[in-house]
Amino acid sequence: MKITLTVVACLFFQILTCLGQEIIHLRNPSFEDMPRNSVPPKGWSDCRSFYGETPPDTQPLGLNGFNVTKAAYDGDTYLGMVVRDNGTWESVGQQLSSPLKAGVCYKFSLFLCRSEICESHSRLTSLQANYVIPVKLKIFGSQAESCVETELLGETDMVTNTQWIRYNFEFSPKSDLRFITLTAFYGESILNAYNGNILIDNASPLIPCDLLEDNYAYFNNDTFPYMGAEKPAIRFPESFSPDGDGKEDYFVGYSDSGVGVKIEILSIYDWWGNLVFEGKDIPANDEKSGWDGKIDGKDKKGKKFTYEAFVINEFGERKKYSGVVKIAR
């Protein structure tokens, strides 16, 4: 029986290969690298170097890079791209480990959001500007050259969300494609150019639809971590109002799962780096175990603070989160 099953498995994978049913993995899909201004994460090449303009960034850089402080969805860093009011935009690309096959249906996903703060200078006025208008993400493929936008594979609506959300794509290339490009673009066209940003993290492999749907029983969830159940993310609010009305009175992390998700350490710092609160072993969604907004027993109004949190998810994985929170009363 063991020999028979082995033969069947081998024939199964041979058939999949002949039909082009091959999982294509990206290099550095989590966009991990040292946070740097104007340097895309390793494995990804700058694709749209307009004269005088800088490449995309490896974020978050905090106060040293446009005040982008959002914690990564996966790992420690992510890709940040912008569009500008002078009609220029950013994109990255890479060569695939094996080509997308013409006529084969593929599923693909990645996590997107928008930073609430992305400060730089306007290219038109040279004045300080906040690049926060939502933009689209376009996905292109090409046959023989990197960064060439030969075939549009998919695009999002305007990415307005400021918390990480998974965006799913399904496409069938018209021809074999060896390169993929991710492009930030305006809502309509460059005739209506503006300043906007998009953040990208945790890209999935490119998985043939038939392999994922019809033959999923042949694999366990660990084989396809991106297309199976999502990792539970914890969310920290951008502001809270400790006014005693019973709503948003505490600063704490929230999880859709909640079960088994714990904040190992939550540290709050004032704008000068002084520790004002530290909590340990706080269950997600347990508001009264969070920070009440007081320093030495006194209320603070209209102040911005930074936070750092080490979170253990339900799988026992430890992850660091950081960002800015404002007290609103």
C-alpha atoms as a PDB file:
ATOM      1  CA  MET A   1       0.000   0.000   0.000  1.00  0.00           C
ATOM      2  CA  LYS A   2       2.842   2.427   0.862  1.00  0.00           C
ATOM      3  CA  ILE A   3       4.499   1.801  -2.522  1.00  0.00           C
ATOM      4  CA  THR A   4       1.199   2.340  -4.354  1.00  0.00           C
ATOM      5  CA  LEU A   5       0.579   5.647  -2.598  1.00  0.00           C
ATOM      6  CA  THR A   6       4.113   6.787  -3.390  1.00  0.00           C
ATOM      7  CA  VAL A   7       3.659   6.009  -7.090  1.00  0.00           C
ATOM      8  CA  VAL A   8       0.313   7.793  -7.174  1.00  0.00           C
ATOM      9  CA  ALA A   9       1.823  10.847  -5.464  1.00  0.00           C
ATOM     10  CA  CYS A  10       4.702  10.948  -7.962  1.00  0.00           C
ATOM     11  CA  LEU A  11       2.327  10.681 -10.920  1.00  0.00           C
ATOM     12  CA  PHE A  12       0.149  13.392  -9.395  1.00  0.00           C
ATOM     13  CA  PHE A  13       3.012  15.876  -9.133  1.00  0.00           C
ATOM     14  CA  GLN A  14       4.268  14.983 -12.621  1.00  0.00           C
ATOM     15  CA  ILE A  15       0.835  15.763 -14.048  1.00  0.00           C
ATOM     16  CA  LEU A  16       0.728  19.062 -12.174  1.00  0.00           C
ATOM     17  CA  THR A  17       4.141  20.025 -13.546  1.00  0.00           C
ATOM     18  CA  CYS A  18       3.151  19.174 -17.121  1.00  0.00           C
ATOM     19  CA  LEU A  19       0.050  21.313 -16.812  1.00  0.00           C
ATOM     20  CA  GLY A  20       2.048  24.234 -15.466  1.00  0.00           C
ATOM     21  CA  GLN A  21       0.560  23.820 -11.995  1.00  0.00           C
ATOM     22  CA  GLU A  22       3.597  25.084 -10.140  1.00  0.00           C
ATOM     23  CA  ILE A  23       3.682  27.257  -7.046  1.00  0.00           C
ATOM     24  CA  ILE A  24       5.839  30.331  -7.682  1.00  0.00           C
ATOM     25  CA  HIS A  25       7.530  31.804  -4.627  1.00  0.00           C
ATOM     26  CA  LEU A  26       8.683  35.420  -4.497  1.00  0.00           C
ATOM     27  CA  ARG A  27      12.021  36.494  -3.091  1.00  0.00           C
ATOM     28  CA  ASN A  28      11.610  38.327   0.220  1.00  0.00           C
ATOM     29  CA  PRO A  29       7.780  38.309   0.174  1.00  0.00           C
ATOM     30  CA  SER A  30       7.656  39.957   3.617  1.00  0.00           C
ATOM     31  CA  PHE A  31       9.810  42.897   2.409  1.00  0.00           C
ATOM     32  CA  GLU A  32      12.314  42.431   5.237  1.00  0.00           C
ATOM     33  CA  ASP A  33      15.448  44.593   5.323  1.00  0.00           C
ATOM     34  CA  MET A  34      17.102  47.371   7.288  1.00  0.00           C
ATOM     35  CA  PRO A  35      14.678  50.335   7.367  1.00  0.00           C
ATOM     36  CA  ARG A  36      16.126  52.814   4.865  1.00  0.00           C
ATOM     37  CA  ASN A  37      15.075  55.890   2.966  1.00  0.00           C
ATOM     38  CA  SER A  38      15.037  55.495  -0.839  1.00  0.00           C
ATOM     39  CA  VAL A  39      16.183  51.839  -0.766  1.00  0.00           C
ATOM     40  CA  PRO A  40      13.640  49.088  -1.593  1.00  0.00           C
ATOM     41  CA  PRO A  41      13.800  45.853   0.434  1.00  0.00           C
ATOM     42  CA  LYS A  42      16.336  43.286  -0.764  1.00  0.00           C
ATOM     43  CA  GLY A  43      15.086  41.107  -3.601  1.00  0.00           C
ATOM     44  CA  TRP A  44      13.020  43.978  -5.044  1.00  0.00           C
ATOM     45  CA  SER A  45      14.372  46.401  -7.674  1.00  0.00           C
ATOM     46  CA  ASP A  46      13.411  50.037  -8.158  1.00  0.00           C
ATOM     47  CA  CYS A  47      11.362  50.169 -11.353  1.00  0.00           C
ATOM     48  CA  ARG A  48      10.364  53.785 -11.847  1.00  0.00           C
ATOM     49  CA  SER A  49      13.348  56.063 -11.329  1.00  0.00           C
ATOM     50  CA  PHE A  50      12.130  59.374 -12.701  1.00  0.00           C
ATOM     51  CA  TYR A  51      14.919  61.897 -13.128  1.00  0.00           C
ATOM     52  CA  GLY A  52      15.528  63.673  -9.841  1.00  0.00           C
ATOM     53  CA  GLU A  53      13.169  61.393  -7.882  1.00  0.00           C
ATOM     54  CA  THR A  54      14.092  58.849  -5.237  1.00  0.00           C
ATOM     55  CA  PRO A  55      13.260  55.097  -5.159  1.00  0.00           C
ATOM     56  CA  PRO A  56      10.730  53.478  -2.777  1.00  0.00           C
ATOM     57  CA  ASP A  57      11.559  53.005   0.909  1.00  0.00           C
ATOM     58  CA  THR A  58      11.954  50.171   3.383  1.00  0.00           C
ATOM     59  CA  GLN A  59       9.684  51.287   6.220  1.00  0.00           C
ATOM     60  CA  PRO A  60       8.976  52.069   9.036  1.00  0.00           C
ATOM     61  CA  LEU A  61      11.554  54.821   9.496  1.00  0.00           C
ATOM     62  CA  GLY A  62       9.615  56.844  12.046  1.00  0.00           C
ATOM     63  CA  LEU A  63      10.826  60.386  12.584  1.00  0.00           C
ATOM     64  CA  ASN A  64      13.781  59.714  10.262  1.00  0.00           C
ATOM     65  CA  GLY A  65      11.607  58.827   7.290  1.00  0.00           C
ATOM     66  CA  PHE A  66       8.415  60.812   6.656  1.00  0.00           C
ATOM     67  CA  ASN A  67       7.034  60.002  10.158  1.00  0.00           C
ATOM     68  CA  VAL A  68       5.774  56.614   8.970  1.00  0.00           C
ATOM     69  CA  THR A  69       5.541  54.572  12.189  1.00  0.00           C
ATOM     70  CA  LYS A  70       2.997  51.824  11.508  1.00  0.00           C
ATOM     71  CA  ALA A  71       4.060  48.369  12.715  1.00  0.00           C
ATOM     72  CA  ALA A  72       4.597  45.720  10.057  1.00  0.00           C
ATOM     73  CA  TYR A  73       1.922  43.078   9.543  1.00  0.00           C
ATOM     74  CA  ASP A  74       4.583  40.395   9.147  1.00  0.00           C
ATOM     75  CA  GLY A  75       8.171  40.575  10.352  1.00  0.00           C
ATOM     76  CA  ASP A  76       9.715  43.954  11.090  1.00  0.00           C
ATOM     77  CA  THR A  77       9.588  45.981   7.844  1.00  0.00           C
ATOM     78  CA  TYR A  78       7.510  46.561   4.737  1.00  0.00           C
ATOM     79  CA  LEU A  79       7.581  48.415   1.416  1.00  0.00           C
ATOM     80  CA  GLY A  80       6.487  52.055   1.228  1.00  0.00           C
ATOM     81  CA  MET A  81       5.691  53.745  -2.098  1.00  0.00           C
ATOM     82  CA  VAL A  82       4.286  57.149  -3.056  1.00  0.00           C
ATOM     83  CA  VAL A  83       2.751  59.066  -5.928  1.00  0.00           C
ATOM     84  CA  ARG A  84       3.619  62.746  -6.286  1.00  0.00           C
ATOM     85  CA  ASP A  85       1.902  65.945  -7.368  1.00  0.00           C
ATOM     86  CA  ASN A  86       4.343  66.353 -10.273  1.00  0.00           C
ATOM     87  CA  GLY A  87       3.083  63.241 -12.064  1.00  0.00           C
ATOM     88  CA  THR A  88       5.746  60.792 -10.868  1.00  0.00           C
ATOM     89  CA  TRP A  89       5.172  57.542  -9.001  1.00  0.00           C
ATOM     90  CA  GLU A  90       7.049  54.557  -7.599  1.00  0.00           C
ATOM     91  CA  SER A  91       7.169  50.838  -8.357  1.00  0.00           C
ATOM     92  CA  VAL A  92       9.287  47.747  -7.663  1.00  0.00           C
ATOM     93  CA  GLY A  93       9.740  44.407  -9.382  1.00  0.00           C
ATOM     94  CA  GLN A  94      11.612  41.128  -9.500  1.00  0.00           C
ATOM     95  CA  GLN A  95      12.227  38.129 -11.732  1.00  0.00           C
ATOM     96  CA  LEU A  96      10.061  35.150 -10.824  1.00  0.00           C
ATOM     97  CA  SER A  97      11.588  31.820  -9.820  1.00  0.00           C
ATOM     98  CA  SER A  98       9.700  30.268 -12.740  1.00  0.00           C
ATOM     99  CA  PRO A  99       7.364  31.864 -15.290  1.00  0.00           C
ATOM    100  CA  LEU A 100       3.650  32.416 -14.992  1.00  0.00           C
ATOM    101  CA  LYS A 101       2.104  30.205 -17.667  1.00  0.00           C
ATOM    102  CA  ALA A 102      -0.239  31.583 -20.298  1.00  0.00           C
ATOM    103  CA  GLY A 103      -3.852  30.587 -19.699  1.00  0.00           C
ATOM    104  CA  VAL A 104      -3.238  29.245 -16.180  1.00  0.00           C
ATOM    105  CA  CYS A 105      -5.359  30.780 -13.402  1.00  0.00           C
ATOM    106  CA  TYR A 106      -3.332  32.026 -10.415  1.00  0.00           C
ATOM    107  CA  LYS A 107      -4.293  33.322  -7.000  1.00  0.00           C
ATOM    108  CA  PHE A 108      -2.172  35.904  -5.230  1.00  0.00           C
ATOM    109  CA  SER A 109      -2.562  38.076  -2.139  1.00  0.00           C
ATOM    110  CA  LEU A 110      -0.750  40.734  -0.171  1.00  0.00           C
ATOM    111  CA  PHE A 111      -1.483  43.056   2.703  1.00  0.00           C
ATOM    112  CA  LEU A 112      -2.002  46.749   2.010  1.00  0.00           C
ATOM    113  CA  CYS A 113      -2.754  49.884   3.972  1.00  0.00           C
ATOM    114  CA  ARG A 114      -2.154  53.630   3.985  1.00  0.00           C
ATOM    115  CA  SER A 115      -0.069  55.586   6.460  1.00  0.00           C
ATOM    116  CA  GLU A 116      -1.933  58.387   8.206  1.00  0.00           C
ATOM    117  CA  ILE A 117       1.287  60.422   8.171  1.00  0.00           C
ATOM    118  CA  CYS A 118       3.779  60.569   5.310  1.00  0.00           C
ATOM    119  CA  GLU A 119       5.496  63.938   5.386  1.00  0.00           C
ATOM    120  CA  SER A 120       7.727  65.247   2.622  1.00  0.00           C
ATOM    121  CA  HIS A 121       8.015  68.271   0.366  1.00  0.00           C
ATOM    122  CA  SER A 122       5.619  68.968  -2.482  1.00  0.00           C
ATOM    123  CA  ARG A 123       7.382  68.664  -5.810  1.00  0.00           C
ATOM    124  CA  LEU A 124       5.293  71.536  -7.173  1.00  0.00           C
ATOM    125  CA  THR A 125       5.466  74.066  -4.335  1.00  0.00           C
ATOM    126  CA  SER A 126       8.543  72.867  -2.358  1.00  0.00           C
ATOM    127  CA  LEU A 127       6.419  73.316   0.781  1.00  0.00           C
ATOM    128  CA  GLN A 128       5.941  70.636   3.431  1.00  0.00           C
ATOM    129  CA  ALA A 129       3.157  68.245   2.400  1.00  0.00           C
ATOM    130  CA  ASN A 130       1.459  65.185   3.855  1.00  0.00           C
ATOM    131  CA  TYR A 131       1.324  62.375   1.271  1.00  0.00           C
ATOM    132  CA  VAL A 132      -1.864  60.770   2.586  1.00  0.00           C
ATOM    133  CA  ILE A 133      -4.344  60.718  -0.313  1.00  0.00           C
ATOM    134  CA  PRO A 134      -5.259  57.077  -1.121  1.00  0.00           C
ATOM    135  CA  VAL A 135      -3.726  55.437  -4.179  1.00  0.00           C
ATOM    136  CA  LYS A 136      -4.162  52.209  -6.136  1.00  0.00           C
ATOM    137  CA  LEU A 137      -1.834  49.242  -6.488  1.00  0.00           C
ATOM    138  CA  LYS A 138      -1.360  47.837  -9.983  1.00  0.00           C
ATOM    139  CA  ILE A 139       0.296  44.478 -10.682  1.00  0.00           C
ATOM    140  CA  PHE A 140       2.028  43.992 -14.038  1.00  0.00           C
ATOM    141  CA  GLY A 141       3.855  41.124 -15.688  1.00  0.00           C
ATOM    142  CA  SER A 142       6.415  41.090 -18.492  1.00  0.00           C
ATOM    143  CA  GLN A 143       8.053  38.456 -20.654  1.00  0.00           C
ATOM    144  CA  ALA A 144      11.698  39.312 -21.163  1.00  0.00           C
ATOM    145  CA  GLU A 145      12.644  42.410 -19.202  1.00  0.00           C
ATOM    146  CA  SER A 146      12.304  43.501 -15.598  1.00  0.00           C
ATOM    147  CA  CYS A 147      10.105  46.512 -14.753  1.00  0.00           C
ATOM    148  CA  VAL A 148       8.394  46.571 -18.160  1.00  0.00           C
ATOM    149  CA  GLU A 149       4.613  46.860 -17.724  1.00  0.00           C
ATOM    150  CA  THR A 150       3.632  44.501 -20.543  1.00  0.00           C
ATOM    151  CA  GLU A 151       0.455  42.980 -19.130  1.00  0.00           C
ATOM    152  CA  LEU A 152      -1.824  44.289 -16.374  1.00  0.00           C
ATOM    153  CA  LEU A 153      -2.604  41.346 -14.099  1.00  0.00           C
ATOM    154  CA  GLY A 154      -4.679  43.118 -11.470  1.00  0.00           C
ATOM    155  CA  GLU A 155      -5.358  46.359  -9.631  1.00  0.00           C
ATOM    156  CA  THR A 156      -7.050  47.429  -6.438  1.00  0.00           C
ATOM    157  CA  ASP A 157      -9.603  50.088  -5.757  1.00  0.00           C
ATOM    158  CA  MET A 158      -8.310  53.074  -3.833  1.00  0.00           C
ATOM    159  CA  VAL A 159      -6.534  51.752  -0.716  1.00  0.00           C
ATOM    160  CA  THR A 160      -8.178  53.906   1.946  1.00  0.00           C
ATOM    161  CA  ASN A 161      -7.715  51.613   4.968  1.00  0.00           C
ATOM    162  CA  THR A 162      -5.149  52.593   7.596  1.00  0.00           C
ATOM    163  CA  GLN A 163      -4.997  49.111   9.135  1.00  0.00           C
ATOM    164  CA  TRP A 164      -3.507  46.110   7.335  1.00  0.00           C
ATOM    165  CA  ILE A 165      -6.023  44.278   5.123  1.00  0.00           C
ATOM    166  CA  ARG A 166      -5.359  41.331   2.820  1.00  0.00           C
ATOM    167  CA  TYR A 167      -6.160  42.032  -0.836  1.00  0.00           C
ATOM    168  CA  ASN A 168      -6.794  38.985  -3.039  1.00  0.00           C
ATOM    169  CA  PHE A 169      -6.143  38.717  -6.774  1.00  0.00           C
ATOM    170  CA  GLU A 170      -6.976  36.116  -9.398  1.00  0.00           C
ATOM    171  CA  PHE A 171      -5.657  36.330 -12.950  1.00  0.00           C
ATOM    172  CA  SER A 172      -4.800  34.270 -16.042  1.00  0.00           C
ATOM    173  CA  PRO A 173      -1.838  35.663 -18.033  1.00  0.00           C
ATOM    174  CA  LYS A 174      -2.265  35.972 -21.781  1.00  0.00           C
ATOM    175  CA  SER A 175       1.353  34.941 -22.319  1.00  0.00           C
ATOM    176  CA  ASP A 176       4.203  33.393 -20.316  1.00  0.00           C
ATOM    177  CA  LEU A 177       5.572  36.040 -17.922  1.00  0.00           C
ATOM    178  CA  ARG A 178       8.925  35.944 -16.137  1.00  0.00           C
ATOM    179  CA  PHE A 179       8.793  39.252 -14.246  1.00  0.00           C
ATOM    180  CA  ILE A 180       6.340  40.892 -11.853  1.00  0.00           C
ATOM    181  CA  THR A 181       6.002  44.609 -11.023  1.00  0.00           C
ATOM    182  CA  LEU A 182       4.102  46.308  -8.171  1.00  0.00           C
ATOM    183  CA  THR A 183       3.156  49.901  -9.017  1.00  0.00           C
ATOM    184  CA  ALA A 184       1.617  52.675  -6.941  1.00  0.00           C
ATOM    185  CA  PHE A 185      -0.705  54.792  -9.076  1.00  0.00           C
ATOM    186  CA  TYR A 186      -3.258  57.576  -8.908  1.00  0.00           C
ATOM    187  CA  GLY A 187      -6.973  56.995  -8.620  1.00  0.00           C
ATOM    188  CA  GLU A 188      -7.531  58.061 -12.207  1.00  0.00           C
ATOM    189  CA  SER A 189      -4.578  59.365 -14.235  1.00  0.00           C
ATOM    190  CA  ILE A 190      -1.477  61.513 -13.999  1.00  0.00           C
ATOM    191  CA  LEU A 191      -3.585  64.426 -15.256  1.00  0.00           C
ATOM    192  CA  ASN A 192      -4.985  64.528 -11.713  1.00  0.00           C
ATOM    193  CA  ALA A 193      -1.669  64.052  -9.921  1.00  0.00           C
ATOM    194  CA  TYR A 194      -1.511  64.378  -6.126  1.00  0.00           C
ATOM    195  CA  ASN A 195       0.573  63.282  -3.126  1.00  0.00           C
ATOM    196  CA  GLY A 196      -0.333  59.849  -1.757  1.00  0.00           C
ATOM    197  CA  ASN A 197       1.167  56.707  -0.228  1.00  0.00           C
ATOM    198  CA  ILE A 198       0.674  52.954  -0.015  1.00  0.00           C
ATOM    199  CA  LEU A 199       2.293  50.370   2.283  1.00  0.00           C
ATOM    200  CA  ILE A 200       2.784  46.723   1.220  1.00  0.00           C
ATOM    201  CA  ASP A 201       3.589  43.629   3.302  1.00  0.00           C
ATOM    202  CA  ASN A 202       3.355  39.832   3.417  1.00  0.00           C
ATOM    203  CA  ALA A 203       2.920  38.831  -0.237  1.00  0.00           C
ATOM    204  CA  SER A 204       1.817  35.253  -0.892  1.00  0.00           C
ATOM    205  CA  PRO A 205       3.222  32.808  -3.427  1.00  0.00           C
ATOM    206  CA  LEU A 206       1.523  32.765  -6.823  1.00  0.00           C
ATOM    207  CA  ILE A 207      -0.552  29.606  -6.580  1.00  0.00           C
ATOM    208  CA  PRO A 208      -2.415  27.929  -9.474  1.00  0.00           C
ATOM    209  CA  CYS A 209      -6.149  28.074  -8.757  1.00  0.00           C
ATOM    210  CA  ASP A 210      -6.714  24.362  -9.452  1.00  0.00           C
ATOM    211  CA  LEU A 211      -3.879  23.361  -7.158  1.00  0.00           C
ATOM    212  CA  LEU A 212      -5.201  25.504  -4.341  1.00  0.00           C
ATOM    213  CA  GLU A 213      -8.909  24.686  -4.630  1.00  0.00           C
ATOM    214  CA  ASP A 214      -9.290  21.210  -6.145  1.00  0.00           C
ATOM    215  CA  ASN A 215      -6.222  19.565  -4.650  1.00  0.00           C
ATOM    216  CA  TYR A 216      -5.941  21.358  -1.324  1.00  0.00           C
ATOM    217  CA  ALA A 217      -6.655  18.099   0.504  1.00  0.00           C
ATOM    218  CA  TYR A 218      -3.233  16.822  -0.574  1.00  0.00           C
ATOM    219  CA  PHE A 219      -1.509  19.453   1.538  1.00  0.00           C
ATOM    220  CA  ASN A 220      -1.693  20.705   5.110  1.00  0.00           C
ATOM    221  CA  ASN A 221      -2.245  24.339   6.067  1.00  0.00           C
ATOM    222  CA  ASP A 222       1.440  24.873   6.776  1.00  0.00           C
ATOM    223  CA  THR A 223       2.198  24.346   3.080  1.00  0.00           C
ATOM    224  CA  PHE A 224       0.200  27.422   2.130  1.00  0.00           C
ATOM    225  CA  PRO A 225       0.404  29.766   5.112  1.00  0.00           C
ATOM    226  CA  TYR A 226      -0.760  32.770   3.083  1.00  0.00           C
ATOM    227  CA  MET A 227      -3.837  31.234   1.505  1.00  0.00           C
ATOM    228  CA  GLY A 228      -5.020  29.254   4.503  1.00  0.00           C
ATOM    229  CA  ALA A 229      -6.148  30.774   7.772  1.00  0.00           C
ATOM    230  CA  GLU A 230      -4.641  34.207   8.277  1.00  0.00           C
ATOM    231  CA  LYS A 231      -2.350  34.933  11.185  1.00  0.00           C
ATOM    232  CA  PRO A 232      -4.341  36.840  13.781  1.00  0.00           C
ATOM    233  CA  ALA A 233      -3.108  40.441  13.826  1.00  0.00           C
ATOM    234  CA  ILE A 234      -3.352  42.699  16.838  1.00  0.00           C
ATOM    235  CA  ARG A 235      -4.364  46.310  16.252  1.00  0.00           C
ATOM    236  CA  PHE A 236      -3.410  49.307  18.340  1.00  0.00           C
ATOM    237  CA  PRO A 237      -5.600  52.431  18.020  1.00  0.00           C
ATOM    238  CA  GLU A 238      -4.185  55.711  16.742  1.00  0.00           C
ATOM    239  CA  SER A 239      -5.952  57.631  19.510  1.00  0.00           C
ATOM    240  CA  PHE A 240      -8.103  57.067  22.598  1.00  0.00           C
ATOM    241  CA  SER A 241     -10.199  59.261  24.888  1.00  0.00           C
ATOM    242  CA  PRO A 242      -9.822  58.503  28.612  1.00  0.00           C
ATOM    243  CA  ASP A 243     -12.723  60.718  29.691  1.00  0.00           C
ATOM    244  CA  GLY A 244     -14.612  58.132  31.748  1.00  0.00           C
ATOM    245  CA  ASP A 245     -17.519  57.719  29.333  1.00  0.00           C
ATOM    246  CA  GLY A 246     -16.906  53.988  29.006  1.00  0.00           C
ATOM    247  CA  LYS A 247     -15.745  54.227  25.386  1.00  0.00           C
ATOM    248  CA  GLU A 248     -12.086  54.045  24.374  1.00  0.00           C
ATOM    249  CA  ASP A 249     -10.994  54.955  27.906  1.00  0.00           C
ATOM    250  CA  TYR A 250      -7.876  52.788  27.747  1.00  0.00           C
ATOM    251  CA  PHE A 251      -5.066  52.163  25.299  1.00  0.00           C
ATOM    252  CA  VAL A 252      -4.620  48.466  24.591  1.00  0.00           C
ATOM    253  CA  GLY A 253      -4.281  46.089  21.639  1.00  0.00           C
ATOM    254  CA  TYR A 254      -7.300  44.492  19.952  1.00  0.00           C
ATOM    255  CA  SER A 255      -7.391  41.136  18.198  1.00  0.00           C
ATOM    256  CA  ASP A 256     -10.135  39.606  16.063  1.00  0.00           C
ATOM    257  CA  SER A 257      -9.165  36.210  17.450  1.00  0.00           C
ATOM    258  CA  GLY A 258      -8.447  37.226  21.000  1.00  0.00           C
ATOM    259  CA  VAL A 259      -7.987  33.632  22.113  1.00  0.00           C
ATOM    260  CA  GLY A 260      -4.420  33.107  23.241  1.00  0.00           C
ATOM    261  CA  VAL A 261      -3.199  36.501  22.007  1.00  0.00           C
ATOM    262  CA  LYS A 262      -1.279  38.271  24.768  1.00  0.00           C
ATOM    263  CA  ILE A 263       0.693  41.518  25.054  1.00  0.00           C
ATOM    264  CA  GLU A 264       3.837  40.378  26.805  1.00  0.00           C
ATOM    265  CA  ILE A 265       5.099  43.932  27.416  1.00  0.00           C
ATOM    266  CA  LEU A 266       3.419  47.246  26.565  1.00  0.00           C
ATOM    267  CA  SER A 267       5.596  50.346  26.995  1.00  0.00           C
ATOM    268  CA  ILE A 268       4.413  53.934  26.502  1.00  0.00           C
ATOM    269  CA  TYR A 269       6.883  56.811  26.090  1.00  0.00           C
ATOM    270  CA  ASP A 270       6.368  60.553  25.969  1.00  0.00           C
ATOM    271  CA  TRP A 271       7.677  62.569  23.009  1.00  0.00           C
ATOM    272  CA  TRP A 272      11.061  62.970  24.711  1.00  0.00           C
ATOM    273  CA  GLY A 273      11.516  59.234  25.225  1.00  0.00           C
ATOM    274  CA  ASN A 274      10.624  59.012  28.906  1.00  0.00           C
ATOM    275  CA  LEU A 275       8.776  55.845  29.966  1.00  0.00           C
ATOM    276  CA  VAL A 276       5.323  56.783  31.306  1.00  0.00           C
ATOM    277  CA  PHE A 277       3.627  53.364  31.432  1.00  0.00           C
ATOM    278  CA  GLU A 278       4.598  49.718  31.333  1.00  0.00           C
ATOM    279  CA  GLY A 279       2.198  46.790  31.438  1.00  0.00           C
ATOM    280  CA  LYS A 280       2.970  43.071  31.306  1.00  0.00           C
ATOM    281  CA  ASP A 281       1.014  39.968  30.290  1.00  0.00           C
ATOM    282  CA  ILE A 282      -2.043  41.884  29.093  1.00  0.00           C
ATOM    283  CA  PRO A 283      -4.647  39.753  27.267  1.00  0.00           C
ATOM    284  CA  ALA A 284      -5.732  41.248  23.933  1.00  0.00           C
ATOM    285  CA  ASN A 285      -8.998  43.223  24.189  1.00  0.00           C
ATOM    286  CA  ASP A 286      -8.663  43.549  27.992  1.00  0.00           C
ATOM    287  CA  GLU A 287      -9.113  47.310  28.090  1.00  0.00           C
ATOM    288  CA  LYS A 288      -8.818  47.920  31.833  1.00  0.00           C
ATOM    289  CA  SER A 289      -5.378  46.301  31.846  1.00  0.00           C
ATOM    290  CA  GLY A 290      -4.130  48.911  29.384  1.00  0.00           C
ATOM    291  CA  TRP A 291      -2.968  52.492  29.875  1.00  0.00           C
ATOM    292  CA  ASP A 292      -5.502  54.966  31.255  1.00  0.00           C
ATOM    293  CA  GLY A 293      -3.717  58.008  29.829  1.00  0.00           C
ATOM    294  CA  LYS A 294      -2.448  59.272  33.149  1.00  0.00           C
ATOM    295  CA  ILE A 295       1.099  60.148  34.128  1.00  0.00           C
ATOM    296  CA  ASP A 296       1.840  60.202  37.854  1.00  0.00           C
ATOM    297  CA  GLY A 297      -1.914  60.116  38.425  1.00  0.00           C
ATOM    298  CA  LYS A 298      -2.561  63.238  36.349  1.00  0.00           C
ATOM    299  CA  ASP A 299      -4.481  63.540  33.096  1.00  0.00           C
ATOM    300  CA  LYS A 300      -2.639  64.617  29.964  1.00  0.00           C
ATOM    301  CA  LYS A 301      -4.527  66.318  27.147  1.00  0.00           C
ATOM    302  CA  GLY A 302      -3.765  66.628  23.473  1.00  0.00           C
ATOM    303  CA  LYS A 303      -0.407  64.869  23.757  1.00  0.00           C
ATOM    304  CA  LYS A 304       1.232  62.424  21.391  1.00  0.00           C
ATOM    305  CA  PHE A 305       3.040  59.393  22.742  1.00  0.00           C
ATOM    306  CA  THR A 306       4.939  56.500  21.212  1.00  0.00           C
ATOM    307  CA  TYR A 307       4.384  52.880  22.153  1.00  0.00           C
ATOM    308  CA  GLU A 308       6.282  49.625  21.857  1.00  0.00           C
ATOM    309  CA  ALA A 309       4.631  46.261  22.354  1.00  0.00           C
ATOM    310  CA  PHE A 310       5.825  42.672  22.253  1.00  0.00           C
ATOM    311  CA  VAL A 311       2.917  40.393  21.391  1.00  0.00           C
ATOM    312  CA  ILE A 312       2.547  36.607  21.575  1.00  0.00           C
ATOM    313  CA  ASN A 313      -0.055  35.339  19.102  1.00  0.00           C
ATOM    314  CA  GLU A 314      -2.094  32.146  19.405  1.00  0.00           C
ATOM    315  CA  PHE A 315       0.649  30.198  17.612  1.00  0.00           C
ATOM    316  CA  GLY A 316       3.229  31.228  20.209  1.00  0.00           C
ATOM    317  CA  GLU A 317       4.997  33.615  17.816  1.00  0.00           C
ATOM    318  CA  ARG A 318       6.507  36.775  19.296  1.00  0.00           C
ATOM    319  CA  LYS A 319       6.272  40.008  17.324  1.00  0.00           C
ATOM    320  CA  LYS A 320       7.158  43.627  18.005  1.00  0.00           C
ATOM    321  CA  TYR A 321       4.733  46.496  17.315  1.00  0.00           C
ATOM    322  CA  SER A 322       5.394  50.220  17.592  1.00  0.00           C
ATOM    323  CA  GLY A 323       3.695  53.449  16.655  1.00  0.00           C
ATOM    324  CA  VAL A 324       2.234  56.776  17.771  1.00  0.00           C
ATOM    325  CA  VAL A 325      -0.931  57.279  19.821  1.00  0.00           C
ATOM    326  CA  LYS A 326      -2.698  60.527  20.669  1.00  0.00           C
ATOM    327  CA  ILE A 327      -4.881  61.287  23.680  1.00  0.00           C
ATOM    328  CA  ALA A 328      -8.107  62.976  22.636  1.00  0.00           C
ATOM    329  CA  ARG A 329     -10.522  64.254  25.252  1.00  0.00           C
END
